[in-house]
């Protein structure tokens, strides 16, 4: 959702359209395959200047420290993330993770902290903010404004129009552990 929001707001997305929209992500994945090989070949980065690029959190550690990056980290309840991934894996006929759910959540949380620590320890290379997925769905106005300001002023009306609450299908119910 965030890549589409930023793109609609006025910053073009760098994508390769190799992974088409599907039932799990009906508006598309907004992926760019060379991102996965950044450590071995960061040659795609100069072509990404002025664009928004989707990266899995751990791949941020592979970005060369010779560059400067603005990062919007999407924060989502990790129990929802694990459940969503399991639903997608089941639909694809693949087995879910080998780790127990609680351990997987712990690993994801630890990884995210490692990434944030890396960015904090390189403030001349990384500027970052966090946006909460659930909050953007419930009340997009404050989060959209914050992202727009962080990225230099985008079209907030077009960004807000991207938010589609019906696509927030895997939610932690009240009273469940919000890890």
N, C-alpha and C. Protein backbone atom coordinates (compact mmCIF):
# COMPACT_ATOMS: atom_id res chain seq x y z
N UNK A 1 0.81 -1.19 0.00
CA UNK A 1 0.00 0.00 0.00
C UNK A 1 0.86 1.26 0.00
N UNK A 2 1.95 1.27 0.77
CA UNK A 2 2.76 2.48 0.89
C UNK A 2 3.40 2.87 -0.43
N UNK A 3 3.91 1.89 -1.18
CA UNK A 3 4.55 2.22 -2.46
C UNK A 3 3.51 2.84 -3.39
N UNK A 4 2.32 2.27 -3.42
CA UNK A 4 1.26 2.83 -4.26
C UNK A 4 0.87 4.23 -3.79
N UNK A 5 0.81 4.44 -2.48
CA UNK A 5 0.47 5.76 -1.96
C UNK A 5 1.50 6.80 -2.40
N UNK A 6 2.77 6.48 -2.23
CA UNK A 6 3.83 7.43 -2.58
C UNK A 6 3.83 7.68 -4.08
N UNK A 7 3.63 6.63 -4.85
CA UNK A 7 3.59 6.77 -6.30
C UNK A 7 2.42 7.66 -6.73
N UNK A 8 1.25 7.42 -6.16
CA UNK A 8 0.10 8.27 -6.47
C UNK A 8 0.30 9.70 -5.99
N UNK A 9 1.10 9.85 -4.93
CA UNK A 9 1.38 11.17 -4.40
C UNK A 9 2.32 11.99 -5.27
N UNK A 10 3.06 11.32 -6.17
CA UNK A 10 3.89 12.08 -7.09
C UNK A 10 5.31 11.59 -7.30
N UNK A 11 5.73 10.56 -6.58
CA UNK A 11 7.08 10.01 -6.79
C UNK A 11 6.92 8.69 -7.54
N UNK A 12 7.47 8.58 -8.74
CA UNK A 12 7.28 7.34 -9.51
C UNK A 12 7.91 6.14 -8.81
N UNK A 13 7.27 4.99 -8.97
CA UNK A 13 7.77 3.75 -8.38
C UNK A 13 8.68 3.04 -9.36
N UNK A 14 9.77 2.49 -8.85
CA UNK A 14 10.67 1.66 -9.65
C UNK A 14 10.21 0.21 -9.46
N UNK A 15 9.60 -0.35 -10.49
CA UNK A 15 9.09 -1.72 -10.44
C UNK A 15 9.44 -2.43 -11.74
N UNK A 16 9.33 -3.75 -11.71
CA UNK A 16 9.58 -4.51 -12.94
C UNK A 16 8.34 -5.28 -13.40
N UNK A 17 7.27 -5.23 -12.64
CA UNK A 17 6.01 -5.89 -12.99
C UNK A 17 6.17 -7.39 -13.23
N UNK A 18 7.21 -8.02 -12.66
CA UNK A 18 7.39 -9.46 -12.84
C UNK A 18 6.40 -10.27 -12.02
N UNK A 19 5.93 -9.71 -10.92
CA UNK A 19 4.97 -10.42 -10.07
C UNK A 19 3.62 -9.72 -10.21
N UNK A 20 2.71 -10.31 -10.96
CA UNK A 20 1.43 -9.64 -11.23
C UNK A 20 0.53 -9.63 -10.00
N UNK A 21 -0.46 -8.74 -10.00
CA UNK A 21 -1.44 -8.75 -8.91
C UNK A 21 -2.10 -10.12 -8.80
N UNK A 22 -2.51 -10.47 -7.60
CA UNK A 22 -3.19 -11.74 -7.38
C UNK A 22 -4.19 -11.56 -6.24
N UNK A 23 -4.77 -12.65 -5.80
CA UNK A 23 -5.80 -12.57 -4.76
C UNK A 23 -5.23 -12.04 -3.44
N UNK A 24 -3.95 -12.32 -3.17
CA UNK A 24 -3.34 -11.85 -1.93
C UNK A 24 -2.98 -10.37 -1.98
N UNK A 25 -2.69 -9.88 -3.16
CA UNK A 25 -2.29 -8.49 -3.36
C UNK A 25 -2.92 -7.99 -4.66
N UNK A 26 -4.23 -7.71 -4.65
CA UNK A 26 -4.94 -7.41 -5.89
C UNK A 26 -4.50 -6.11 -6.59
N UNK A 27 -3.76 -5.27 -5.90
CA UNK A 27 -3.29 -4.04 -6.54
C UNK A 27 -1.82 -4.13 -6.95
N UNK A 28 -1.25 -5.30 -6.79
CA UNK A 28 0.11 -5.51 -7.24
C UNK A 28 1.13 -5.50 -6.11
N UNK A 29 2.33 -5.93 -6.46
CA UNK A 29 3.39 -6.08 -5.47
C UNK A 29 4.42 -4.96 -5.50
N UNK A 30 4.50 -4.23 -6.58
CA UNK A 30 5.43 -3.09 -6.69
C UNK A 30 6.87 -3.50 -6.38
N UNK A 31 7.28 -4.64 -6.87
CA UNK A 31 8.63 -5.14 -6.60
C UNK A 31 9.58 -4.84 -7.76
N UNK A 32 10.86 -4.84 -7.44
CA UNK A 32 11.93 -4.66 -8.41
C UNK A 32 12.99 -5.69 -8.06
N UNK A 33 13.10 -6.74 -8.87
CA UNK A 33 13.93 -7.90 -8.54
C UNK A 33 15.40 -7.58 -8.23
N UNK A 34 16.05 -6.64 -8.92
CA UNK A 34 17.46 -6.36 -8.60
C UNK A 34 17.70 -5.96 -7.14
N UNK A 35 16.66 -5.48 -6.45
CA UNK A 35 16.78 -5.12 -5.04
C UNK A 35 17.27 -6.31 -4.22
N UNK A 36 16.82 -7.51 -4.59
CA UNK A 36 17.17 -8.71 -3.83
C UNK A 36 18.66 -9.04 -3.90
N UNK A 37 19.35 -8.48 -4.90
CA UNK A 37 20.79 -8.75 -5.07
C UNK A 37 21.65 -7.52 -4.80
N UNK A 38 21.13 -6.61 -3.99
CA UNK A 38 21.83 -5.35 -3.74
C UNK A 38 23.23 -5.55 -3.19
N UNK A 39 23.40 -6.48 -2.29
CA UNK A 39 24.73 -6.70 -1.71
C UNK A 39 25.74 -7.07 -2.79
N UNK A 40 25.36 -7.94 -3.71
CA UNK A 40 26.27 -8.39 -4.77
C UNK A 40 26.37 -7.37 -5.90
N UNK A 41 25.26 -6.69 -6.19
CA UNK A 41 25.24 -5.77 -7.33
C UNK A 41 24.32 -4.58 -7.04
N UNK A 42 24.89 -3.51 -6.48
CA UNK A 42 24.09 -2.31 -6.21
C UNK A 42 23.95 -1.39 -7.43
N UNK A 43 24.26 -1.91 -8.60
CA UNK A 43 24.25 -1.10 -9.81
C UNK A 43 22.91 -0.51 -10.19
N UNK A 44 21.84 -1.02 -9.64
CA UNK A 44 20.50 -0.49 -9.94
C UNK A 44 20.22 0.82 -9.22
N UNK A 45 20.99 1.12 -8.17
CA UNK A 45 20.67 2.26 -7.29
C UNK A 45 20.70 3.61 -8.02
N UNK A 46 21.70 3.91 -8.86
CA UNK A 46 21.65 5.22 -9.54
C UNK A 46 20.38 5.44 -10.36
N UNK A 47 19.82 4.39 -10.92
CA UNK A 47 18.57 4.51 -11.67
C UNK A 47 17.35 4.68 -10.79
N UNK A 48 17.53 4.54 -9.48
CA UNK A 48 16.41 4.66 -8.54
C UNK A 48 16.31 6.06 -7.94
N UNK A 49 17.27 6.91 -8.23
CA UNK A 49 17.25 8.26 -7.66
C UNK A 49 15.97 8.97 -8.12
N UNK A 50 15.26 9.53 -7.14
CA UNK A 50 14.01 10.22 -7.43
C UNK A 50 12.82 9.31 -7.55
N UNK A 51 13.00 8.03 -7.19
CA UNK A 51 11.90 7.06 -7.28
C UNK A 51 11.69 6.40 -5.92
N UNK A 52 10.54 5.77 -5.77
CA UNK A 52 10.26 5.00 -4.58
C UNK A 52 10.49 3.53 -4.92
N UNK A 53 11.17 2.82 -4.02
CA UNK A 53 11.54 1.42 -4.25
C UNK A 53 11.12 0.61 -3.03
N UNK A 54 10.45 -0.50 -3.26
CA UNK A 54 10.06 -1.40 -2.18
C UNK A 54 11.23 -2.30 -1.83
N UNK A 55 11.54 -2.38 -0.53
CA UNK A 55 12.60 -3.26 -0.05
C UNK A 55 12.12 -3.98 1.21
N UNK A 56 12.42 -5.26 1.30
CA UNK A 56 12.21 -5.99 2.54
C UNK A 56 13.18 -5.40 3.56
N UNK A 57 12.76 -5.28 4.79
CA UNK A 57 13.53 -4.58 5.82
C UNK A 57 15.00 -5.00 5.89
N UNK A 58 15.29 -6.29 5.85
CA UNK A 58 16.68 -6.74 5.98
C UNK A 58 17.56 -6.28 4.83
N UNK A 59 16.98 -6.06 3.66
CA UNK A 59 17.79 -5.62 2.52
C UNK A 59 18.28 -4.19 2.68
N UNK A 60 17.69 -3.43 3.59
CA UNK A 60 18.19 -2.08 3.86
C UNK A 60 19.63 -2.13 4.39
N UNK A 61 19.98 -3.24 5.03
CA UNK A 61 21.35 -3.40 5.54
C UNK A 61 22.36 -3.54 4.41
N UNK A 62 21.90 -3.89 3.22
CA UNK A 62 22.79 -4.09 2.07
C UNK A 62 23.02 -2.82 1.26
N UNK A 63 22.31 -1.76 1.56
CA UNK A 63 22.51 -0.52 0.80
C UNK A 63 23.90 0.05 1.07
N UNK A 64 24.62 0.44 0.02
CA UNK A 64 25.96 1.00 0.22
C UNK A 64 25.90 2.28 1.07
N UNK A 65 26.84 2.41 1.98
CA UNK A 65 26.86 3.59 2.84
C UNK A 65 27.43 4.81 2.12
N UNK A 66 27.69 4.68 0.85
CA UNK A 66 28.12 5.84 0.06
C UNK A 66 26.92 6.65 -0.43
N UNK A 67 25.72 6.10 -0.30
CA UNK A 67 24.51 6.79 -0.74
C UNK A 67 23.79 7.45 0.40
N UNK A 68 22.70 8.15 0.06
CA UNK A 68 21.82 8.76 1.05
C UNK A 68 20.41 8.30 0.74
N UNK A 69 19.67 7.90 1.79
CA UNK A 69 18.39 7.25 1.59
C UNK A 69 17.34 7.82 2.55
N UNK A 70 16.13 7.95 2.04
CA UNK A 70 14.97 8.25 2.88
C UNK A 70 14.12 6.99 2.90
N UNK A 71 13.81 6.53 4.09
CA UNK A 71 13.12 5.25 4.25
C UNK A 71 11.83 5.45 5.04
N UNK A 72 10.75 4.91 4.49
CA UNK A 72 9.48 4.85 5.22
C UNK A 72 9.30 3.38 5.60
N UNK A 73 9.43 3.09 6.88
CA UNK A 73 9.24 1.72 7.38
C UNK A 73 7.76 1.52 7.68
N UNK A 74 7.18 0.51 7.07
CA UNK A 74 5.80 0.17 7.40
C UNK A 74 5.82 -0.72 8.63
N UNK A 75 5.13 -0.27 9.65
CA UNK A 75 5.03 -1.04 10.89
C UNK A 75 3.65 -1.69 10.89
N UNK A 76 3.64 -2.99 11.12
CA UNK A 76 2.38 -3.72 11.21
C UNK A 76 2.50 -4.73 12.34
N UNK A 77 1.41 -4.99 12.98
CA UNK A 77 1.41 -6.00 14.03
C UNK A 77 2.01 -7.29 13.48
N UNK A 78 3.03 -7.80 14.15
CA UNK A 78 3.77 -8.95 13.62
C UNK A 78 2.94 -10.23 13.60
N UNK A 79 1.98 -10.35 14.49
CA UNK A 79 1.09 -11.51 14.45
C UNK A 79 0.26 -11.47 13.16
N UNK A 80 -0.16 -10.27 12.75
CA UNK A 80 -0.88 -10.13 11.49
C UNK A 80 0.02 -10.48 10.31
N UNK A 81 1.27 -10.06 10.37
CA UNK A 81 2.22 -10.35 9.28
C UNK A 81 2.39 -11.85 9.12
N UNK A 82 2.62 -12.54 10.23
CA UNK A 82 2.82 -13.99 10.18
C UNK A 82 1.57 -14.69 9.66
N UNK A 83 0.42 -14.30 10.15
CA UNK A 83 -0.83 -14.92 9.69
C UNK A 83 -1.06 -14.67 8.20
N UNK A 84 -0.80 -13.46 7.76
CA UNK A 84 -0.98 -13.11 6.36
C UNK A 84 -0.05 -13.93 5.47
N UNK A 85 1.20 -14.07 5.89
CA UNK A 85 2.15 -14.88 5.12
C UNK A 85 1.72 -16.34 5.07
N UNK A 86 1.22 -16.85 6.18
CA UNK A 86 0.77 -18.24 6.21
C UNK A 86 -0.41 -18.47 5.27
N UNK A 87 -1.34 -17.52 5.22
CA UNK A 87 -2.49 -17.63 4.30
C UNK A 87 -1.99 -17.66 2.86
N UNK A 88 -1.06 -16.77 2.53
CA UNK A 88 -0.54 -16.71 1.17
C UNK A 88 0.21 -18.00 0.82
N UNK A 89 1.03 -18.51 1.75
CA UNK A 89 1.76 -19.75 1.50
C UNK A 89 0.80 -20.92 1.29
N UNK A 90 -0.23 -21.00 2.11
CA UNK A 90 -1.22 -22.08 1.96
C UNK A 90 -1.89 -22.01 0.59
N UNK A 91 -2.24 -20.80 0.18
CA UNK A 91 -2.89 -20.62 -1.12
C UNK A 91 -1.97 -21.05 -2.26
N UNK A 92 -0.67 -20.87 -2.07
CA UNK A 92 0.32 -21.26 -3.09
C UNK A 92 0.71 -22.73 -2.98
N UNK A 93 0.15 -23.43 -1.98
CA UNK A 93 0.46 -24.84 -1.80
C UNK A 93 1.82 -25.09 -1.18
N UNK A 94 2.34 -24.09 -0.49
CA UNK A 94 3.64 -24.22 0.17
C UNK A 94 3.42 -24.34 1.66
N UNK A 95 4.39 -24.94 2.32
CA UNK A 95 4.26 -25.08 3.77
C UNK A 95 4.62 -23.75 4.44
N UNK A 96 4.03 -23.54 5.59
CA UNK A 96 4.34 -22.33 6.34
C UNK A 96 5.69 -22.49 7.02
N UNK A 97 6.10 -21.46 7.69
CA UNK A 97 7.42 -21.43 8.31
C UNK A 97 7.66 -22.61 9.25
N UNK A 98 8.93 -22.99 9.34
CA UNK A 98 9.31 -24.09 10.22
C UNK A 98 9.33 -23.66 11.68
N UNK A 99 9.52 -22.37 11.92
CA UNK A 99 9.57 -21.88 13.30
C UNK A 99 8.17 -21.73 13.87
N UNK A 100 8.01 -21.96 15.17
CA UNK A 100 6.72 -21.69 15.80
C UNK A 100 6.39 -20.20 15.65
N UNK A 101 5.11 -19.90 15.60
CA UNK A 101 4.65 -18.53 15.38
C UNK A 101 5.28 -17.53 16.35
N UNK A 102 5.31 -17.85 17.64
CA UNK A 102 5.88 -16.92 18.63
C UNK A 102 7.35 -16.65 18.36
N UNK A 103 8.08 -17.69 17.99
CA UNK A 103 9.51 -17.52 17.71
C UNK A 103 9.72 -16.69 16.44
N UNK A 104 8.89 -16.92 15.44
CA UNK A 104 8.99 -16.17 14.19
C UNK A 104 8.73 -14.68 14.44
N UNK A 105 7.74 -14.39 15.27
CA UNK A 105 7.44 -13.01 15.62
C UNK A 105 8.62 -12.38 16.35
N UNK A 106 9.23 -13.14 17.24
CA UNK A 106 10.40 -12.66 17.97
C UNK A 106 11.56 -12.35 17.01
N UNK A 107 11.78 -13.23 16.04
CA UNK A 107 12.85 -13.04 15.05
C UNK A 107 12.57 -11.80 14.22
N UNK A 108 11.34 -11.65 13.72
CA UNK A 108 10.99 -10.46 12.92
C UNK A 108 11.22 -9.18 13.72
N UNK A 109 10.77 -9.18 14.96
CA UNK A 109 10.95 -7.99 15.80
C UNK A 109 12.41 -7.65 16.01
N UNK A 110 13.21 -8.67 16.25
CA UNK A 110 14.65 -8.47 16.42
C UNK A 110 15.30 -7.94 15.15
N UNK A 111 14.89 -8.49 14.01
CA UNK A 111 15.42 -8.01 12.73
C UNK A 111 15.08 -6.54 12.52
N UNK A 112 13.86 -6.17 12.81
CA UNK A 112 13.45 -4.78 12.60
C UNK A 112 14.25 -3.84 13.49
N UNK A 113 14.49 -4.25 14.73
CA UNK A 113 15.30 -3.42 15.62
C UNK A 113 16.73 -3.29 15.10
N UNK A 114 17.27 -4.37 14.56
CA UNK A 114 18.62 -4.33 13.98
C UNK A 114 18.68 -3.33 12.83
N UNK A 115 17.68 -3.35 11.98
CA UNK A 115 17.63 -2.43 10.83
C UNK A 115 17.53 -0.99 11.32
N UNK A 116 16.65 -0.74 12.30
CA UNK A 116 16.51 0.63 12.81
C UNK A 116 17.79 1.10 13.49
N UNK A 117 18.45 0.22 14.23
CA UNK A 117 19.73 0.57 14.85
C UNK A 117 20.77 0.93 13.80
N UNK A 118 20.80 0.17 12.71
CA UNK A 118 21.74 0.43 11.61
C UNK A 118 21.48 1.82 11.03
N UNK A 119 20.23 2.14 10.80
CA UNK A 119 19.91 3.45 10.22
C UNK A 119 20.21 4.58 11.21
N UNK A 120 19.91 4.36 12.48
CA UNK A 120 20.21 5.38 13.50
C UNK A 120 21.71 5.61 13.62
N UNK A 121 22.50 4.55 13.45
CA UNK A 121 23.95 4.69 13.59
C UNK A 121 24.60 5.29 12.34
N UNK A 122 23.82 5.51 11.29
CA UNK A 122 24.31 6.13 10.06
C UNK A 122 23.38 7.28 9.66
N UNK A 123 23.26 8.30 10.53
CA UNK A 123 22.28 9.36 10.29
C UNK A 123 22.58 10.22 9.06
N UNK A 124 23.81 10.25 8.62
CA UNK A 124 24.14 11.03 7.42
C UNK A 124 23.80 10.26 6.15
N UNK A 125 23.46 8.99 6.30
CA UNK A 125 23.10 8.14 5.15
C UNK A 125 21.62 7.81 5.12
N UNK A 126 21.01 7.73 6.29
CA UNK A 126 19.61 7.33 6.37
C UNK A 126 18.78 8.36 7.13
N UNK A 127 17.68 8.76 6.54
CA UNK A 127 16.61 9.45 7.24
C UNK A 127 15.46 8.45 7.18
N UNK A 128 14.82 8.22 8.31
CA UNK A 128 13.70 7.28 8.25
C UNK A 128 12.57 7.68 9.17
N UNK A 129 11.41 7.21 8.81
CA UNK A 129 10.22 7.38 9.63
C UNK A 129 9.47 6.06 9.61
N UNK A 130 8.57 5.90 10.57
CA UNK A 130 7.73 4.72 10.61
C UNK A 130 6.27 5.13 10.39
N UNK A 131 5.57 4.31 9.64
CA UNK A 131 4.14 4.51 9.41
C UNK A 131 3.43 3.23 9.82
N UNK A 132 2.41 3.36 10.62
CA UNK A 132 1.67 2.20 11.12
C UNK A 132 0.55 1.82 10.16
N UNK A 133 0.61 0.60 9.65
CA UNK A 133 -0.36 0.12 8.67
C UNK A 133 -1.80 0.22 9.19
N UNK A 134 -2.03 -0.29 10.37
CA UNK A 134 -3.38 -0.27 10.94
C UNK A 134 -3.91 1.15 11.12
N UNK A 135 -3.05 2.05 11.58
CA UNK A 135 -3.47 3.45 11.75
C UNK A 135 -3.78 4.10 10.42
N UNK A 136 -2.98 3.80 9.38
CA UNK A 136 -3.25 4.35 8.05
C UNK A 136 -4.61 3.89 7.53
N UNK A 137 -4.97 2.66 7.84
CA UNK A 137 -6.28 2.15 7.41
C UNK A 137 -7.40 2.83 8.19
N UNK A 138 -7.23 2.90 9.52
CA UNK A 138 -8.29 3.45 10.38
C UNK A 138 -8.50 4.95 10.14
N UNK A 139 -7.41 5.69 10.04
CA UNK A 139 -7.49 7.15 9.87
C UNK A 139 -6.29 7.60 9.05
N UNK A 140 -6.42 7.58 7.73
CA UNK A 140 -5.26 7.84 6.88
C UNK A 140 -4.73 9.27 6.92
N UNK A 141 -5.54 10.24 7.28
CA UNK A 141 -5.12 11.64 7.16
C UNK A 141 -3.81 11.97 7.89
N UNK A 142 -3.67 11.68 9.18
CA UNK A 142 -2.43 12.07 9.86
C UNK A 142 -1.19 11.37 9.28
N UNK A 143 -1.28 10.08 9.04
CA UNK A 143 -0.14 9.34 8.51
C UNK A 143 0.24 9.77 7.11
N UNK A 144 -0.75 10.02 6.27
CA UNK A 144 -0.49 10.48 4.90
C UNK A 144 0.21 11.83 4.93
N UNK A 145 -0.26 12.73 5.79
CA UNK A 145 0.39 14.05 5.91
C UNK A 145 1.84 13.90 6.34
N UNK A 146 2.07 13.03 7.32
CA UNK A 146 3.43 12.83 7.84
C UNK A 146 4.36 12.28 6.75
N UNK A 147 3.89 11.30 6.00
CA UNK A 147 4.71 10.74 4.91
C UNK A 147 4.96 11.80 3.85
N UNK A 148 3.94 12.55 3.50
CA UNK A 148 4.08 13.61 2.50
C UNK A 148 5.13 14.62 2.93
N UNK A 149 5.06 15.08 4.16
CA UNK A 149 6.05 16.04 4.66
C UNK A 149 7.44 15.45 4.67
N UNK A 150 7.57 14.21 5.10
CA UNK A 150 8.88 13.55 5.16
C UNK A 150 9.51 13.46 3.77
N UNK A 151 8.69 13.27 2.75
CA UNK A 151 9.20 13.11 1.39
C UNK A 151 9.17 14.41 0.58
N UNK A 152 8.92 15.52 1.24
CA UNK A 152 9.06 16.80 0.56
C UNK A 152 7.80 17.40 -0.01
N UNK A 153 6.65 16.84 0.32
CA UNK A 153 5.38 17.40 -0.12
C UNK A 153 4.81 16.67 -1.32
N UNK A 154 3.84 15.82 -1.06
CA UNK A 154 3.19 15.03 -2.11
C UNK A 154 1.70 15.37 -2.15
N UNK A 155 1.00 14.83 -3.11
CA UNK A 155 -0.44 15.04 -3.26
C UNK A 155 -1.17 14.15 -2.25
N UNK A 156 -1.53 14.73 -1.12
CA UNK A 156 -2.12 13.94 -0.03
C UNK A 156 -3.50 13.39 -0.38
N UNK A 157 -4.25 14.10 -1.21
CA UNK A 157 -5.57 13.59 -1.59
C UNK A 157 -5.44 12.31 -2.41
N UNK A 158 -4.51 12.30 -3.35
CA UNK A 158 -4.29 11.10 -4.15
C UNK A 158 -3.72 9.97 -3.29
N UNK A 159 -2.87 10.30 -2.34
CA UNK A 159 -2.32 9.28 -1.44
C UNK A 159 -3.43 8.66 -0.61
N UNK A 160 -4.28 9.50 -0.06
CA UNK A 160 -5.37 9.03 0.80
C UNK A 160 -6.33 8.13 0.03
N UNK A 161 -6.52 8.43 -1.25
CA UNK A 161 -7.45 7.65 -2.08
C UNK A 161 -6.99 6.21 -2.29
N UNK A 162 -5.72 5.94 -2.05
CA UNK A 162 -5.18 4.58 -2.21
C UNK A 162 -5.66 3.66 -1.09
N UNK A 163 -5.90 4.21 0.09
CA UNK A 163 -6.26 3.40 1.25
C UNK A 163 -7.58 2.67 0.99
N UNK A 164 -7.54 1.36 1.10
CA UNK A 164 -8.71 0.52 0.86
C UNK A 164 -8.89 -0.42 2.05
N UNK A 165 -9.74 -0.02 3.02
CA UNK A 165 -9.90 -0.82 4.24
C UNK A 165 -10.28 -2.28 3.99
N UNK A 166 -10.98 -2.58 2.90
CA UNK A 166 -11.38 -3.97 2.66
C UNK A 166 -10.18 -4.88 2.36
N UNK A 167 -9.03 -4.29 2.03
CA UNK A 167 -7.84 -5.10 1.78
C UNK A 167 -7.09 -5.44 3.07
N UNK A 168 -7.55 -4.89 4.20
CA UNK A 168 -6.96 -5.20 5.50
C UNK A 168 -7.72 -6.41 6.04
N UNK A 169 -7.34 -7.59 5.55
CA UNK A 169 -8.12 -8.79 5.81
C UNK A 169 -7.64 -9.60 7.00
N UNK A 170 -6.36 -9.57 7.28
CA UNK A 170 -5.82 -10.35 8.40
C UNK A 170 -5.57 -9.38 9.54
N UNK A 171 -6.46 -9.40 10.52
CA UNK A 171 -6.36 -8.47 11.65
C UNK A 171 -6.30 -9.23 12.96
N UNK A 172 -5.58 -8.67 13.89
CA UNK A 172 -5.57 -9.20 15.24
C UNK A 172 -6.83 -8.70 15.92
N UNK A 173 -7.59 -9.63 16.49
CA UNK A 173 -8.84 -9.27 17.17
C UNK A 173 -8.55 -8.67 18.53
N UNK A 174 -9.49 -7.91 19.01
CA UNK A 174 -9.34 -7.34 20.35
C UNK A 174 -9.15 -8.45 21.36
N UNK A 175 -8.24 -8.21 22.28
CA UNK A 175 -7.96 -9.20 23.30
C UNK A 175 -6.87 -10.18 22.92
N UNK A 176 -6.54 -10.25 21.63
CA UNK A 176 -5.44 -11.12 21.21
C UNK A 176 -4.13 -10.40 21.48
N UNK A 177 -3.08 -11.18 21.59
CA UNK A 177 -1.75 -10.61 21.80
C UNK A 177 -1.39 -9.73 20.60
N UNK A 178 -1.05 -8.48 20.86
CA UNK A 178 -0.73 -7.55 19.77
C UNK A 178 0.77 -7.46 19.53
N UNK A 179 1.53 -8.37 19.99
CA UNK A 179 2.97 -8.47 19.82
C UNK A 179 3.60 -7.34 19.05
